[in-house]
């Protein structure tokens, strides 16, 4: 039986906040992710921010490198 993770609305808001704080568009961010071997299209990334899709761990790791931030910043406000 496949287990689905519950989508948390704060995660999407955190992703958007981190991206905007870095001054990146979704398109530019996806280019940076692709340079780190994460094949993420802008439409897919938009779904991460709107909480329509769960974000893969590999993408979170790549974003941490791009943003040079802590994991706590990704999960701020999540309980």
N, C-alpha and C. Protein backbone atom coordinates (compact mmCIF):
# COMPACT_ATOMS: atom_id res chain seq x y z
N UNK A 1 0.84 -1.17 0.00
CA UNK A 1 0.00 0.00 0.00
C UNK A 1 0.89 1.24 0.00
N UNK A 2 0.61 2.15 -0.87
CA UNK A 2 1.38 3.39 -0.99
C UNK A 2 0.93 4.39 0.05
N UNK A 3 1.90 4.96 0.75
CA UNK A 3 1.58 5.98 1.74
C UNK A 3 1.82 7.36 1.15
N UNK A 4 0.87 8.25 1.28
CA UNK A 4 1.01 9.61 0.77
C UNK A 4 1.25 10.55 1.93
N UNK A 5 2.21 11.45 1.74
CA UNK A 5 2.48 12.45 2.76
C UNK A 5 1.44 13.56 2.70
N UNK A 6 1.07 14.04 3.85
CA UNK A 6 0.15 15.18 3.91
C UNK A 6 0.91 16.43 3.47
N UNK A 7 0.32 17.19 2.60
CA UNK A 7 0.95 18.42 2.12
C UNK A 7 0.74 19.50 3.15
N UNK A 8 1.81 20.21 3.48
CA UNK A 8 1.74 21.27 4.47
C UNK A 8 1.82 22.61 3.79
N UNK A 9 0.85 23.45 4.01
CA UNK A 9 0.76 24.76 3.36
C UNK A 9 1.95 25.66 3.68
N UNK A 10 2.52 25.53 4.87
CA UNK A 10 3.65 26.39 5.23
C UNK A 10 4.89 26.08 4.41
N UNK A 11 5.05 24.84 3.98
CA UNK A 11 6.22 24.48 3.19
C UNK A 11 6.25 25.28 1.90
N UNK A 12 5.13 25.40 1.23
CA UNK A 12 5.07 26.17 0.00
C UNK A 12 5.39 27.63 0.24
N UNK A 13 4.86 28.18 1.32
CA UNK A 13 5.14 29.58 1.67
C UNK A 13 6.61 29.77 1.98
N UNK A 14 7.21 28.80 2.66
CA UNK A 14 8.64 28.88 2.97
C UNK A 14 9.48 28.83 1.70
N UNK A 15 9.11 27.97 0.77
CA UNK A 15 9.84 27.89 -0.49
C UNK A 15 9.78 29.21 -1.25
N UNK A 16 8.59 29.80 -1.28
CA UNK A 16 8.43 31.08 -1.98
C UNK A 16 9.21 32.19 -1.29
N UNK A 17 9.16 32.23 0.04
CA UNK A 17 9.89 33.24 0.80
C UNK A 17 11.39 33.16 0.55
N UNK A 18 11.93 31.95 0.60
CA UNK A 18 13.37 31.77 0.38
C UNK A 18 13.76 32.20 -1.03
N UNK A 19 12.95 31.83 -2.01
CA UNK A 19 13.24 32.19 -3.40
C UNK A 19 13.20 33.70 -3.59
N UNK A 20 12.17 34.33 -3.07
CA UNK A 20 12.04 35.78 -3.23
C UNK A 20 13.13 36.54 -2.47
N UNK A 21 13.52 36.03 -1.30
CA UNK A 21 14.61 36.67 -0.54
C UNK A 21 15.92 36.64 -1.32
N UNK A 22 16.07 35.65 -2.17
CA UNK A 22 17.28 35.53 -2.99
C UNK A 22 17.14 36.32 -4.30
N UNK A 23 15.94 36.87 -4.55
CA UNK A 23 15.71 37.67 -5.76
C UNK A 23 15.65 36.84 -7.02
N UNK A 24 15.15 35.61 -6.91
CA UNK A 24 15.10 34.70 -8.06
C UNK A 24 13.66 34.51 -8.54
N UNK A 25 13.50 34.43 -9.85
CA UNK A 25 12.23 34.02 -10.42
C UNK A 25 12.18 32.48 -10.36
N UNK A 26 11.00 31.92 -10.52
CA UNK A 26 10.90 30.46 -10.57
C UNK A 26 11.72 29.91 -11.73
N UNK A 27 11.69 30.60 -12.84
CA UNK A 27 12.41 30.14 -14.03
C UNK A 27 13.93 30.11 -13.78
N UNK A 28 14.46 31.18 -13.21
CA UNK A 28 15.91 31.25 -12.92
C UNK A 28 16.30 30.19 -11.89
N UNK A 29 15.44 30.01 -10.89
CA UNK A 29 15.72 28.99 -9.88
C UNK A 29 15.78 27.61 -10.51
N UNK A 30 14.87 27.32 -11.43
CA UNK A 30 14.86 26.00 -12.08
C UNK A 30 16.14 25.77 -12.89
N UNK A 31 16.67 26.83 -13.49
CA UNK A 31 17.95 26.71 -14.20
C UNK A 31 19.05 26.32 -13.21
N UNK A 32 19.07 26.98 -12.05
CA UNK A 32 20.07 26.66 -11.03
C UNK A 32 19.91 25.23 -10.51
N UNK A 33 18.67 24.79 -10.37
CA UNK A 33 18.43 23.40 -9.95
C UNK A 33 18.91 22.42 -11.00
N UNK A 34 18.66 22.73 -12.27
CA UNK A 34 19.10 21.84 -13.35
C UNK A 34 20.62 21.74 -13.40
N UNK A 35 21.31 22.83 -13.05
CA UNK A 35 22.78 22.78 -12.99
C UNK A 35 23.27 21.87 -11.87
N UNK A 36 22.39 21.58 -10.93
CA UNK A 36 22.70 20.67 -9.81
C UNK A 36 22.03 19.31 -10.00
N UNK A 37 21.73 18.96 -11.24
CA UNK A 37 21.18 17.66 -11.62
C UNK A 37 19.77 17.40 -11.09
N UNK A 38 19.02 18.45 -10.82
CA UNK A 38 17.61 18.31 -10.45
C UNK A 38 16.79 18.80 -11.63
N UNK A 39 16.21 17.87 -12.36
CA UNK A 39 15.47 18.21 -13.56
C UNK A 39 14.06 18.65 -13.18
N UNK A 40 13.92 19.93 -12.81
CA UNK A 40 12.65 20.48 -12.35
C UNK A 40 12.23 21.58 -13.32
N UNK A 41 11.06 21.42 -13.89
CA UNK A 41 10.50 22.44 -14.78
C UNK A 41 9.83 23.52 -13.93
N UNK A 42 9.66 24.71 -14.49
CA UNK A 42 9.05 25.80 -13.75
C UNK A 42 7.63 25.45 -13.30
N UNK A 43 6.89 24.79 -14.16
CA UNK A 43 5.51 24.42 -13.81
C UNK A 43 5.48 23.45 -12.62
N UNK A 44 6.45 22.56 -12.56
CA UNK A 44 6.55 21.64 -11.43
C UNK A 44 6.91 22.39 -10.16
N UNK A 45 7.89 23.31 -10.28
CA UNK A 45 8.30 24.07 -9.10
C UNK A 45 7.14 24.92 -8.58
N UNK A 46 6.35 25.48 -9.47
CA UNK A 46 5.19 26.27 -9.06
C UNK A 46 4.24 25.41 -8.22
N UNK A 47 4.13 24.14 -8.55
CA UNK A 47 3.27 23.23 -7.79
C UNK A 47 3.85 22.94 -6.41
N UNK A 48 5.19 22.97 -6.26
CA UNK A 48 5.80 22.83 -4.93
C UNK A 48 5.40 24.02 -4.07
N UNK A 49 5.48 25.23 -4.64
CA UNK A 49 5.15 26.44 -3.89
C UNK A 49 3.67 26.54 -3.55
N UNK A 50 2.81 25.99 -4.41
CA UNK A 50 1.38 26.05 -4.15
C UNK A 50 0.89 24.81 -3.39
N UNK A 51 1.82 23.95 -3.01
CA UNK A 51 1.52 22.73 -2.24
C UNK A 51 0.66 21.73 -2.99
N UNK A 52 0.72 21.77 -4.32
CA UNK A 52 0.02 20.77 -5.12
C UNK A 52 0.84 19.49 -5.24
N UNK A 53 2.16 19.61 -5.07
CA UNK A 53 3.07 18.46 -5.10
C UNK A 53 4.00 18.52 -3.90
N UNK A 54 4.35 17.36 -3.37
CA UNK A 54 5.39 17.30 -2.34
C UNK A 54 6.75 17.48 -3.01
N UNK A 55 7.62 18.21 -2.36
CA UNK A 55 8.94 18.47 -2.91
C UNK A 55 9.89 17.33 -2.54
N UNK A 56 10.61 16.77 -3.51
CA UNK A 56 11.55 15.69 -3.22
C UNK A 56 12.72 16.17 -2.36
N UNK A 57 13.24 15.27 -1.55
CA UNK A 57 14.38 15.58 -0.69
C UNK A 57 15.57 16.06 -1.52
N UNK A 58 15.79 15.46 -2.68
CA UNK A 58 16.94 15.86 -3.50
C UNK A 58 16.84 17.33 -3.92
N UNK A 59 15.62 17.81 -4.13
CA UNK A 59 15.43 19.21 -4.50
C UNK A 59 15.66 20.10 -3.28
N UNK A 60 15.22 19.67 -2.10
CA UNK A 60 15.47 20.45 -0.88
C UNK A 60 16.97 20.58 -0.64
N UNK A 61 17.71 19.50 -0.84
CA UNK A 61 19.17 19.53 -0.64
C UNK A 61 19.80 20.52 -1.63
N UNK A 62 19.38 20.49 -2.89
CA UNK A 62 19.92 21.42 -3.89
C UNK A 62 19.54 22.87 -3.55
N UNK A 63 18.31 23.09 -3.10
CA UNK A 63 17.88 24.44 -2.73
C UNK A 63 18.68 24.96 -1.54
N UNK A 64 18.98 24.08 -0.59
CA UNK A 64 19.79 24.48 0.56
C UNK A 64 21.15 25.00 0.09
N UNK A 65 21.72 24.36 -0.90
CA UNK A 65 23.00 24.81 -1.45
C UNK A 65 22.84 26.15 -2.17
N UNK A 66 21.79 26.30 -2.94
CA UNK A 66 21.55 27.55 -3.68
C UNK A 66 21.33 28.71 -2.72
N UNK A 67 20.50 28.48 -1.70
CA UNK A 67 20.15 29.54 -0.77
C UNK A 67 21.19 29.74 0.34
N UNK A 68 22.07 28.76 0.51
CA UNK A 68 23.07 28.81 1.59
C UNK A 68 22.36 29.07 2.93
N UNK A 69 21.38 28.23 3.23
CA UNK A 69 20.59 28.41 4.44
C UNK A 69 20.56 27.10 5.22
N UNK A 70 19.90 27.14 6.37
CA UNK A 70 19.75 25.94 7.19
C UNK A 70 18.46 25.21 6.81
N UNK A 71 18.39 23.95 7.20
CA UNK A 71 17.15 23.21 6.98
C UNK A 71 16.02 23.79 7.83
N UNK A 72 16.35 24.37 8.96
CA UNK A 72 15.33 25.00 9.80
C UNK A 72 14.56 26.06 9.04
N UNK A 73 15.23 26.76 8.13
CA UNK A 73 14.55 27.80 7.35
C UNK A 73 13.52 27.20 6.39
N UNK A 74 13.75 25.99 5.92
CA UNK A 74 12.77 25.32 5.06
C UNK A 74 11.52 24.92 5.84
N UNK A 75 11.74 24.53 7.07
CA UNK A 75 10.66 23.97 7.86
C UNK A 75 10.12 24.93 8.92
N UNK A 76 10.46 26.19 8.80
CA UNK A 76 10.00 27.21 9.75
C UNK A 76 8.48 27.23 9.80
N UNK A 77 7.95 27.16 11.01
CA UNK A 77 6.50 27.21 11.20
C UNK A 77 5.79 25.89 10.99
N UNK A 78 6.50 24.84 10.65
CA UNK A 78 5.88 23.53 10.45
C UNK A 78 5.93 22.75 11.76
N UNK A 79 4.88 22.06 12.06
CA UNK A 79 4.84 21.28 13.30
C UNK A 79 4.30 19.91 13.03
